[in-house]
Every structure is written in structure tokens, then in C-alpha cells.
N, C-alpha and C. Protein backbone atom coordinates (compact mmCIF):
# COMPACT_ATOMS: atom_id res chain seq x y z
N MET A 1 -18.30 -2.84 317.46
CA MET A 1 -18.98 -4.22 317.45
C MET A 1 -19.58 -4.37 316.46
N SER A 2 -19.24 -6.22 315.89
CA SER A 2 -19.47 -6.44 314.78
C SER A 2 -20.74 -7.44 314.61
N GLN A 3 -21.91 -7.06 313.15
CA GLN A 3 -22.93 -7.78 313.43
C GLN A 3 -22.55 -9.49 313.39
N ALA A 4 -23.72 -9.60 313.53
CA ALA A 4 -23.49 -11.14 313.44
C ALA A 4 -23.83 -11.60 312.38
N PRO A 5 -23.38 -12.71 311.81
CA PRO A 5 -23.12 -12.83 310.27
C PRO A 5 -24.39 -13.12 309.60
N GLY A 6 -25.35 -13.56 310.40
CA GLY A 6 -26.95 -13.57 309.64
C GLY A 6 -27.77 -12.62 309.52
N ARG A 7 -27.19 -11.49 310.59
CA ARG A 7 -27.97 -10.09 310.25
C ARG A 7 -27.40 -10.31 309.24
N ARG A 8 -26.03 -9.61 308.78
CA ARG A 8 -25.31 -8.94 307.70
C ARG A 8 -25.98 -9.52 306.06
N ALA A 9 -26.64 -11.17 306.52
CA ALA A 9 -26.48 -11.74 304.93
C ALA A 9 -27.93 -11.28 304.74
N GLY A 10 -28.77 -11.36 306.14
CA GLY A 10 -30.38 -10.63 305.75
C GLY A 10 -30.19 -9.65 305.64
N ARG A 11 -29.43 -8.46 305.77
CA ARG A 11 -29.42 -6.60 304.93
C ARG A 11 -29.42 -7.21 303.22
N VAL A 12 -28.20 -8.10 303.11
CA VAL A 12 -27.75 -8.36 301.91
C VAL A 12 -29.04 -8.59 301.36
N LEU A 13 -29.75 -9.42 301.76
CA LEU A 13 -30.96 -10.07 300.81
C LEU A 13 -31.67 -8.97 301.02
N MET A 14 -32.21 -8.69 301.56
CA MET A 14 -33.23 -7.06 301.65
C MET A 14 -32.69 -6.52 301.09
N ILE A 15 -31.63 -5.98 300.35
CA ILE A 15 -30.91 -4.86 299.35
C ILE A 15 -30.99 -5.43 297.78
N LEU A 16 -30.86 -6.88 297.89
CA LEU A 16 -30.92 -7.36 296.40
C LEU A 16 -32.44 -7.84 296.15
N ALA A 17 -33.33 -8.15 296.86
CA ALA A 17 -34.61 -7.96 296.87
C ALA A 17 -35.11 -6.91 296.36
N TRP A 18 -34.87 -5.86 296.91
CA TRP A 18 -35.10 -4.61 296.51
C TRP A 18 -34.77 -4.23 295.52
N ALA A 19 -33.42 -4.36 295.16
CA ALA A 19 -33.13 -4.09 293.50
C ALA A 19 -33.75 -4.87 292.77
N ALA A 20 -33.85 -6.32 292.81
CA ALA A 20 -35.17 -6.57 291.75
C ALA A 20 -35.91 -5.97 291.82
N ALA A 21 -36.89 -5.84 292.81
CA ALA A 21 -38.28 -5.40 292.45
C ALA A 21 -38.31 -4.12 291.88
N LEU A 22 -37.25 -3.49 292.39
CA LEU A 22 -36.82 -2.07 290.98
C LEU A 22 -37.19 -2.81 289.91
N PHE A 23 -35.94 -3.56 289.52
CA PHE A 23 -35.53 -3.85 288.20
C PHE A 23 -36.37 -4.22 287.26
N LEU A 24 -37.81 -5.10 288.06
CA LEU A 24 -38.68 -5.71 287.56
C LEU A 24 -39.79 -4.62 287.43
N ALA A 25 -40.09 -3.35 288.14
CA ALA A 25 -41.25 -2.83 288.15
C ALA A 25 -40.50 -1.84 286.73
N THR A 26 -39.28 -1.66 286.72
CA THR A 26 -38.91 -0.68 285.48
C THR A 26 -38.99 -1.54 284.32
N ARG A 27 -39.23 -2.38 284.05
CA ARG A 27 -39.07 -3.33 283.28
C ARG A 27 -40.95 -3.19 282.67
N TYR A 28 -41.55 -3.93 283.44
CA TYR A 28 -42.73 -3.94 283.35
C TYR A 28 -43.62 -2.36 283.30
N PHE A 29 -43.34 -1.46 283.89
CA PHE A 29 -43.57 0.26 283.03
C PHE A 29 -43.22 0.29 281.83
N GLY A 30 -41.77 0.33 281.74
CA GLY A 30 -41.32 0.10 280.23
C GLY A 30 -42.21 -0.09 279.16
N ASP A 31 -42.25 -1.71 279.58
CA ASP A 31 -43.15 -2.35 278.28
C ASP A 31 -44.70 -1.55 278.29
N TRP A 32 -45.23 -1.48 279.54
CA TRP A 32 -46.12 -0.53 279.85
C TRP A 32 -46.47 -0.02 278.49
N GLU A 33 -45.59 1.19 278.45
CA GLU A 33 -45.62 2.62 278.14
C GLU A 33 -45.64 2.29 276.77
N ASP A 34 -44.38 1.23 275.93
CA ASP A 34 -44.39 0.46 274.53
C ASP A 34 -45.72 0.16 274.24
N ARG A 35 -46.10 -0.40 274.83
CA ARG A 35 -47.52 -0.57 274.28
C ARG A 35 -49.07 0.09 274.16
N GLN A 36 -48.71 1.29 275.32
CA GLN A 36 -49.75 2.76 274.78
C GLN A 36 -48.86 3.00 273.54
N ARG A 37 -47.94 3.13 273.41
CA ARG A 37 -47.37 4.00 272.08
C ARG A 37 -47.97 3.22 271.02
N ASN A 38 -47.40 1.91 270.85
CA ASN A 38 -47.91 1.49 269.94
C ASN A 38 -48.27 -0.44 270.18
N PRO A 39 -49.82 -0.35 270.46
CA PRO A 39 -50.55 -1.71 270.72
C PRO A 39 -50.33 -2.57 269.88
N ASN A 40 -49.77 -2.09 268.59
CA ASN A 40 -49.69 -3.43 267.71
C ASN A 40 -48.65 -3.80 267.31
N ALA A 41 -47.69 -3.31 268.09
CA ALA A 41 -46.18 -4.05 268.03
C ALA A 41 -45.77 -5.71 267.11
N GLN A 42 -46.87 -6.26 267.64
CA GLN A 42 -47.12 -7.59 266.98
C GLN A 42 -48.45 -7.71 266.17
N VAL A 43 -48.52 -7.57 264.83
CA VAL A 43 -49.77 -7.45 264.15
C VAL A 43 -50.36 -8.55 263.92
N GLN A 44 -51.74 -8.91 264.17
CA GLN A 44 -52.09 -9.97 264.29
C GLN A 44 -53.10 -9.94 262.79
N SER A 45 -53.08 -11.11 262.10
CA SER A 45 -53.58 -11.10 260.78
C SER A 45 -54.38 -12.49 260.73
N SER A 46 -55.80 -12.27 259.99
CA SER A 46 -56.95 -13.40 260.02
C SER A 46 -56.97 -13.45 258.38
N HIS A 47 -57.31 -14.72 258.17
CA HIS A 47 -57.19 -14.61 256.89
C HIS A 47 -59.22 -16.08 256.88
N GLY A 48 -59.39 -15.25 255.41
CA GLY A 48 -60.61 -15.99 254.90
C GLY A 48 -60.84 -16.33 254.00
N GLN A 49 -62.13 -16.67 253.10
CA GLN A 49 -61.98 -17.24 251.62
C GLN A 49 -62.04 -16.09 250.93
N GLY A 50 -60.55 -15.84 250.60
CA GLY A 50 -60.24 -14.83 249.63
C GLY A 50 -60.00 -14.01 249.77
N PHE A 51 -59.57 -13.42 251.14
CA PHE A 51 -59.08 -12.06 252.04
C PHE A 51 -58.36 -12.01 253.15
N ILE A 52 -57.60 -11.56 253.75
CA ILE A 52 -57.13 -11.10 254.60
C ILE A 52 -57.06 -9.92 255.36
N GLU A 53 -57.05 -10.28 257.09
CA GLU A 53 -57.63 -8.94 257.82
C GLU A 53 -56.83 -9.00 258.66
N VAL A 54 -56.37 -7.55 258.69
CA VAL A 54 -55.45 -7.06 259.92
C VAL A 54 -56.31 -5.97 260.77
N ARG A 55 -56.48 -6.30 262.43
CA ARG A 55 -57.11 -5.84 262.72
C ARG A 55 -55.96 -4.55 264.29
N LEU A 56 -56.19 -3.24 263.60
CA LEU A 56 -55.48 -2.21 264.61
C LEU A 56 -56.03 -1.81 266.02
N LEU A 57 -55.17 -2.00 266.55
CA LEU A 57 -56.00 -0.71 268.25
C LEU A 57 -55.84 0.29 268.07
N GLY A 58 -55.99 1.22 268.38
CA GLY A 58 -55.85 2.68 268.50
C GLY A 58 -54.92 3.35 269.94
N ASN A 59 -54.59 3.56 269.36
CA ASN A 59 -52.97 4.04 270.53
C ASN A 59 -53.60 5.25 271.60
N GLY A 60 -52.56 5.51 272.58
CA GLY A 60 -53.02 6.40 273.82
C GLY A 60 -54.14 7.92 273.34
N GLN A 61 -53.38 8.15 272.01
CA GLN A 61 -53.67 9.44 271.69
C GLN A 61 -54.85 9.17 270.43
N GLY A 62 -55.03 8.12 270.01
CA GLY A 62 -56.18 7.66 269.16
C GLY A 62 -55.19 7.30 267.75
N HIS A 63 -53.86 7.25 267.73
CA HIS A 63 -53.46 7.06 266.43
C HIS A 63 -53.46 5.61 266.18
N PHE A 64 -53.23 5.45 264.66
CA PHE A 64 -53.19 3.76 264.60
C PHE A 64 -51.53 3.50 263.71
N VAL A 65 -51.42 3.17 265.17
CA VAL A 65 -49.36 2.74 264.39
C VAL A 65 -49.28 1.01 264.54
N ALA A 66 -48.33 0.97 263.97
CA ALA A 66 -48.05 -0.88 263.45
C ALA A 66 -46.71 -0.98 263.46
N ASP A 67 -45.81 -1.65 263.81
CA ASP A 67 -45.10 -1.91 262.98
C ASP A 67 -45.40 -2.90 261.90
N GLY A 68 -44.52 -2.98 260.58
CA GLY A 68 -44.25 -3.49 259.17
C GLY A 68 -43.14 -3.57 258.90
N ALA A 69 -42.90 -3.69 257.30
CA ALA A 69 -41.97 -3.72 256.51
C ALA A 69 -42.39 -2.96 255.34
N ILE A 70 -41.34 -2.41 254.81
CA ILE A 70 -40.51 -2.03 253.43
C ILE A 70 -39.80 -2.82 253.01
N ASN A 71 -40.15 -3.42 251.84
CA ASN A 71 -38.92 -3.91 251.01
C ASN A 71 -38.08 -4.86 251.84
N GLY A 72 -38.81 -5.54 253.26
CA GLY A 72 -38.22 -6.21 253.76
C GLY A 72 -37.55 -6.19 255.20
N GLN A 73 -37.46 -5.00 255.69
CA GLN A 73 -36.56 -3.94 256.46
C GLN A 73 -37.95 -3.52 257.45
N LEU A 74 -37.72 -3.73 259.06
CA LEU A 74 -38.97 -3.25 259.39
C LEU A 74 -38.98 -2.09 259.62
N VAL A 75 -40.51 -1.25 259.89
CA VAL A 75 -40.71 0.13 259.73
C VAL A 75 -41.34 0.11 261.14
N HIS A 76 -41.83 1.28 261.55
CA HIS A 76 -42.74 1.76 261.47
C HIS A 76 -43.80 2.68 261.23
N PHE A 77 -45.04 2.26 261.09
CA PHE A 77 -46.22 2.92 260.34
C PHE A 77 -46.97 3.36 261.68
N MET A 78 -47.73 4.64 260.87
CA MET A 78 -48.65 5.67 261.51
C MET A 78 -49.55 5.51 260.09
N LEU A 79 -51.08 5.30 260.31
CA LEU A 79 -51.65 4.99 259.46
C LEU A 79 -52.54 6.74 259.11
N ASP A 80 -52.44 7.09 257.79
CA ASP A 80 -52.45 8.30 257.85
C ASP A 80 -53.66 9.16 256.38
N THR A 81 -55.09 9.06 256.23
CA THR A 81 -56.16 8.89 255.60
C THR A 81 -56.02 10.24 254.96
N GLY A 82 -54.99 11.14 255.65
CA GLY A 82 -55.22 12.56 254.90
C GLY A 82 -54.04 12.56 254.55
N ALA A 83 -53.18 11.80 254.10
CA ALA A 83 -52.19 11.69 253.65
C ALA A 83 -52.57 11.11 252.02
N THR A 84 -51.78 11.39 251.01
CA THR A 84 -52.00 11.29 249.83
C THR A 84 -51.48 9.44 249.25
N ASP A 85 -49.88 9.62 249.67
CA ASP A 85 -49.13 8.88 249.34
C ASP A 85 -48.16 8.41 250.79
N VAL A 86 -47.95 7.50 250.86
CA VAL A 86 -47.13 6.68 251.90
C VAL A 86 -45.60 7.86 251.68
N ALA A 87 -45.62 8.41 252.99
CA ALA A 87 -44.30 9.78 252.98
C ALA A 87 -43.53 8.76 254.18
N VAL A 88 -42.08 8.81 253.51
CA VAL A 88 -41.42 7.85 253.74
C VAL A 88 -39.71 9.03 254.47
N PRO A 89 -39.66 9.18 255.95
CA PRO A 89 -38.78 10.19 256.03
C PRO A 89 -37.40 9.96 255.28
N GLU A 90 -36.51 11.11 255.01
CA GLU A 90 -35.32 10.77 254.10
C GLU A 90 -34.13 9.96 254.57
N THR A 91 -33.86 10.00 256.06
CA THR A 91 -32.99 9.40 256.65
C THR A 91 -33.66 7.69 256.50
N LEU A 92 -34.57 7.86 256.87
CA LEU A 92 -35.26 6.26 256.51
C LEU A 92 -35.16 5.57 255.37
N ALA A 93 -35.52 6.89 253.96
CA ALA A 93 -35.66 6.40 252.50
C ALA A 93 -34.19 5.80 252.35
N GLY A 94 -33.34 6.81 252.56
CA GLY A 94 -32.19 6.21 252.69
C GLY A 94 -31.37 4.72 253.15
N LYS A 95 -31.97 4.35 254.42
CA LYS A 95 -31.13 3.12 255.09
C LYS A 95 -32.12 1.93 253.97
N LEU A 96 -33.39 2.21 253.65
CA LEU A 96 -34.07 1.31 252.98
C LEU A 96 -33.67 1.01 251.73
N GLY A 97 -32.94 1.56 251.12
CA GLY A 97 -32.59 2.10 249.67
C GLY A 97 -33.01 2.63 248.44
N LEU A 98 -34.14 3.74 249.39
CA LEU A 98 -35.49 3.83 248.07
C LEU A 98 -34.67 4.99 247.14
N THR A 99 -34.82 4.45 246.06
CA THR A 99 -34.15 5.79 245.34
C THR A 99 -35.18 7.24 244.58
N ARG A 100 -34.67 8.16 244.64
CA ARG A 100 -34.93 9.21 244.73
C ARG A 100 -35.39 9.89 243.28
N GLY A 101 -36.97 9.99 242.76
CA GLY A 101 -37.20 10.01 241.42
C GLY A 101 -37.30 11.63 241.82
N SER A 102 -38.06 11.81 240.66
CA SER A 102 -38.73 13.71 240.84
C SER A 102 -39.55 14.13 241.44
N PRO A 103 -39.06 15.48 241.16
CA PRO A 103 -38.96 16.31 242.67
C PRO A 103 -40.50 16.79 242.71
N VAL A 104 -40.95 16.58 243.86
CA VAL A 104 -42.83 17.24 243.72
C VAL A 104 -42.95 18.18 245.14
N VAL A 105 -43.80 18.75 244.88
CA VAL A 105 -44.01 20.10 245.93
C VAL A 105 -45.90 18.85 246.86
N LEU A 106 -45.19 19.00 248.39
CA LEU A 106 -46.51 18.56 248.79
C LEU A 106 -46.95 19.46 249.43
N SER A 107 -48.18 19.36 250.23
CA SER A 107 -48.99 20.54 250.73
C SER A 107 -49.11 19.83 251.90
N THR A 108 -48.66 20.16 253.63
CA THR A 108 -49.08 19.30 254.18
C THR A 108 -49.60 20.07 255.39
N ALA A 109 -49.78 19.74 256.47
CA ALA A 109 -50.41 21.12 257.20
C ALA A 109 -49.18 21.99 257.83
N ASN A 110 -47.80 21.50 257.82
CA ASN A 110 -47.37 23.18 257.89
C ASN A 110 -46.92 23.89 256.87
N GLY A 111 -47.73 23.28 256.12
CA GLY A 111 -47.62 24.26 254.45
C GLY A 111 -46.85 23.59 253.53
N ARG A 112 -46.50 24.27 252.51
CA ARG A 112 -45.42 23.55 251.53
C ARG A 112 -44.39 22.82 251.82
N ALA A 113 -43.80 21.53 251.17
CA ALA A 113 -42.76 21.04 251.52
C ALA A 113 -42.00 20.40 250.25
N ALA A 114 -40.58 20.32 249.96
CA ALA A 114 -40.28 19.56 248.85
C ALA A 114 -40.09 18.28 249.21
N GLY A 115 -40.02 17.14 248.08
CA GLY A 115 -40.17 15.89 248.41
C GLY A 115 -39.33 15.44 246.84
N TYR A 116 -39.63 14.20 247.06
CA TYR A 116 -39.53 13.03 245.67
C TYR A 116 -39.83 12.06 245.74
N SER A 117 -40.44 11.99 244.52
CA SER A 117 -41.34 10.24 244.04
C SER A 117 -40.56 9.14 244.50
N THR A 118 -41.09 7.91 244.77
CA THR A 118 -40.29 6.93 244.75
C THR A 118 -41.53 5.48 244.81
N ARG A 119 -40.96 4.67 244.31
CA ARG A 119 -41.68 3.37 244.52
C ARG A 119 -41.55 2.07 245.85
N LEU A 120 -42.31 1.64 246.38
CA LEU A 120 -41.68 0.35 247.12
C LEU A 120 -42.17 -0.62 246.48
N ALA A 121 -41.28 -1.23 246.60
CA ALA A 121 -41.41 -2.56 246.09
C ALA A 121 -42.37 -3.47 246.52
N ASP A 122 -42.28 -3.61 247.77
CA ASP A 122 -42.93 -4.34 248.29
C ASP A 122 -43.35 -4.10 250.18
N LEU A 123 -44.94 -3.73 250.38
CA LEU A 123 -44.94 -2.70 252.19
C LEU A 123 -46.11 -4.32 252.49
N GLN A 124 -45.54 -4.42 253.56
CA GLN A 124 -46.19 -5.61 254.44
C GLN A 124 -46.57 -4.68 255.79
N LEU A 125 -47.80 -5.18 255.96
CA LEU A 125 -48.56 -4.72 257.11
C LEU A 125 -48.96 -6.29 257.83
N GLY A 126 -48.39 -6.62 258.86
CA GLY A 126 -48.99 -8.34 259.05
C GLY A 126 -48.77 -9.07 257.74
N ASP A 127 -49.99 -9.87 257.71
CA ASP A 127 -50.15 -10.98 256.57
C ASP A 127 -50.36 -9.89 255.01
N ILE A 128 -50.57 -9.08 255.31
CA ILE A 128 -51.07 -7.95 253.94
C ILE A 128 -49.68 -7.53 253.48
N HIS A 129 -49.37 -7.74 252.23
CA HIS A 129 -48.67 -7.54 251.09
C HIS A 129 -48.93 -6.69 249.68
N LEU A 130 -48.23 -5.42 250.03
CA LEU A 130 -48.45 -4.35 248.63
C LEU A 130 -47.62 -4.50 247.86
N GLN A 131 -47.34 -4.37 246.47
CA GLN A 131 -47.02 -4.22 245.75
C GLN A 131 -46.74 -3.13 245.07
N ASN A 132 -45.46 -2.17 244.46
CA ASN A 132 -45.41 -1.29 243.53
C ASN A 132 -46.32 -0.11 244.32
N VAL A 133 -45.90 0.31 245.59
CA VAL A 133 -46.54 1.41 246.06
C VAL A 133 -46.15 2.59 245.67
N ARG A 134 -47.17 3.67 245.42
CA ARG A 134 -46.25 5.03 245.25
C ARG A 134 -46.04 5.56 246.90
N ALA A 135 -45.11 6.25 246.56
CA ALA A 135 -44.51 6.54 248.13
C ALA A 135 -43.96 8.42 247.56
N VAL A 136 -43.63 9.40 248.67
CA VAL A 136 -43.01 10.10 248.78
C VAL A 136 -41.78 10.22 249.69
N VAL A 137 -40.34 10.72 249.39
CA VAL A 137 -39.37 10.60 250.28
C VAL A 137 -39.52 12.31 250.66
N ILE A 138 -39.34 12.04 252.06
CA ILE A 138 -39.61 13.60 252.46
C ILE A 138 -38.60 14.38 253.44
N PRO A 139 -37.81 14.73 252.94
CA PRO A 139 -36.61 15.56 254.01
C PRO A 139 -37.20 16.68 255.44
N GLY A 140 -36.24 16.48 256.20
CA GLY A 140 -37.01 17.18 257.49
C GLY A 140 -37.53 16.31 258.49
N LEU A 141 -38.26 15.11 257.90
CA LEU A 141 -38.97 14.52 259.04
C LEU A 141 -38.31 14.21 260.48
N ASP A 142 -38.53 14.79 261.61
CA ASP A 142 -37.80 14.10 262.68
C ASP A 142 -37.36 12.94 263.01
N ASP A 143 -38.52 12.12 262.74
CA ASP A 143 -38.09 10.57 263.38
C ASP A 143 -38.45 9.38 262.28
N ASP A 144 -38.53 8.24 262.21
CA ASP A 144 -38.59 7.23 261.67
C ASP A 144 -39.90 6.55 261.50
N THR A 145 -40.75 7.64 261.48
CA THR A 145 -42.07 6.87 261.46
C THR A 145 -43.07 7.30 259.82
N VAL A 146 -43.13 5.72 259.40
CA VAL A 146 -43.65 6.05 257.77
C VAL A 146 -45.32 6.82 258.13
N LEU A 147 -45.11 7.36 257.18
CA LEU A 147 -46.63 7.98 257.19
C LEU A 147 -47.64 7.02 255.97
N LEU A 148 -48.79 6.11 256.58
CA LEU A 148 -48.83 5.35 255.70
C LEU A 148 -50.37 5.69 255.00
N GLY A 149 -50.02 6.54 253.46
CA GLY A 149 -51.17 7.05 253.17
C GLY A 149 -51.65 6.30 252.13
N MET A 150 -52.92 6.99 251.52
CA MET A 150 -53.97 6.40 250.38
C MET A 150 -53.63 6.10 249.71
N SER A 151 -52.12 6.04 249.20
CA SER A 151 -51.23 5.58 247.96
C SER A 151 -51.27 3.72 248.15
N ALA A 152 -51.70 3.48 249.54
CA ALA A 152 -51.66 2.03 249.89
C ALA A 152 -52.67 1.89 250.62
N LEU A 153 -53.57 2.48 251.51
CA LEU A 153 -55.10 2.44 252.23
C LEU A 153 -56.02 2.45 250.88
N LYS A 154 -55.62 2.43 249.91
CA LYS A 154 -56.91 2.67 248.66
C LYS A 154 -57.02 0.99 248.18
N GLN A 155 -55.91 0.35 248.49
CA GLN A 155 -55.99 -0.74 247.88
C GLN A 155 -56.41 -2.31 248.55
N LEU A 156 -56.70 -1.15 249.94
CA LEU A 156 -57.08 -2.22 250.74
C LEU A 156 -58.70 -1.05 251.14
N GLU A 157 -60.02 -1.97 252.08
CA GLU A 157 -60.84 -2.06 252.55
C GLU A 157 -60.46 -1.70 253.90
N PHE A 158 -61.12 -0.36 254.46
CA PHE A 158 -60.79 -0.33 256.18
C PHE A 158 -61.90 0.44 256.57
N THR A 159 -62.36 -0.12 257.67
CA THR A 159 -63.39 0.67 258.69
C THR A 159 -62.95 0.65 259.91
N GLN A 160 -63.50 1.76 260.79
CA GLN A 160 -63.13 2.18 262.14
C GLN A 160 -64.73 2.26 263.00
N ARG A 161 -63.96 1.71 263.72
CA ARG A 161 -65.25 1.72 265.18
C ARG A 161 -64.48 1.37 266.81
N GLY A 162 -64.86 2.63 267.16
CA GLY A 162 -64.98 2.07 268.95
C GLY A 162 -63.03 2.42 269.33
N GLY A 163 -62.41 2.64 268.44
CA GLY A 163 -61.07 2.63 268.88
C GLY A 163 -59.99 1.57 267.99
N THR A 164 -60.62 1.22 266.76
CA THR A 164 -60.51 -0.47 266.23
C THR A 164 -60.49 0.16 264.46
N MET A 165 -59.37 -0.41 264.32
CA MET A 165 -59.31 -0.31 262.43
C MET A 165 -59.04 -1.82 262.08
N LEU A 166 -60.16 -1.92 261.05
CA LEU A 166 -59.76 -3.89 260.64
C LEU A 166 -59.52 -3.11 259.20
N LEU A 167 -58.26 -2.98 258.78
CA LEU A 167 -58.20 -3.33 257.37
C LEU A 167 -58.10 -4.59 256.69
N ARG A 168 -58.43 -4.38 255.20
CA ARG A 168 -59.00 -6.07 254.79
C ARG A 168 -58.20 -6.28 253.05
N GLN A 169 -57.14 -6.74 252.84
CA GLN A 169 -57.06 -6.90 251.52
C GLN A 169 -57.98 -8.17 250.96
N ASN A 170 -58.84 -7.89 249.85
CA ASN A 170 -59.00 -8.95 249.42
C ASN A 170 -58.19 -9.66 248.30
N LEU A 171 -58.17 -10.87 247.99
CA LEU A 171 -57.21 -11.14 246.89
C LEU A 171 -57.97 -11.86 245.84
N LYS A 172 -57.59 -11.19 244.87
CA LYS A 172 -57.78 -11.89 243.75
C LYS A 172 -57.88 -12.70 242.96
């Protein structure tokens, strides 16, 4: 016994509607998860009389992460006031074309590690630009997250309140 053409079309449309709903839900929750991990994917800057400010929101774990650039190439930063220098994973340093300078010994939370000194010609976070920033290349880091340490942050004023960090670059 065959189904009436209208019933068959109705079932096909129902299946398509469920597939579309599942696709949209997956996209929505995937985007939501990305926003939880990095609420600062699009860094907003504001300009005042003689300064530039960037406001960052903490992520679900309380870290301040943001997308920015090193030497014009997109990178993912995590602010780390406990790091002396900007720390770049070795694999990412190669992609960015950073030169390996003299060897250095680093004291990390996991003990001592070897690295290499380098300089970042340009570091950008929102509209904040820093030039000639001291950094270290660290072999063996698992991901491509750059730790934005004090060699960059000391050039800015920064305050943290209630899950928000405000970075201010005074223009001279």
C-alpha cells in the first residue's frame, strides 16, 4: 500500500525541519562555547584625550584571553601578570618568523625550562600597539596561546574589577 503524495511530502518536510533545527542548535551552542572560552574575540577599543583603552571580560575560568596580533599576524593572547616576558610557543614563533636570540633559563610553575630571547617588532591588542617588546620563545608548549607578560603590560596602565580588565595606553 503506498502513501498519499501529500503525506510523503509532509514527512520529508518534517525531517528537513528537524535537520535544520539540529544544525542551528549545534551552531548556536558552538558559538556560545567559543564566547565562553574567549569573550574578547572582537576586542573593542575606546579613544580619549591622549589615551587608548581596551576593556576585556574574563572567561568562564576567570582568565583574560583575547585575540590580537604579533607582527601583523593573528594570535591568541592570555594575560599573565606573573610572566616576566611575553611567552611565545616555539611552533608559533616559527610561523611568526621570530628570530631565536640567546638561550635563557626560565622559572615556570612547572620548574625550570630552556627558552630563547627574541623581540616582537609590533604587538597589537585592539587599537593598542606596542613596538619592540621583549619576549621569549618557549619550546614544548602544547598550544598556540601567547602569554602576554609584564614586558608588554608594564607599558600600560591596567586595573581589574569584577571580571573586567581595563588596559590603557597613554599616548605621548
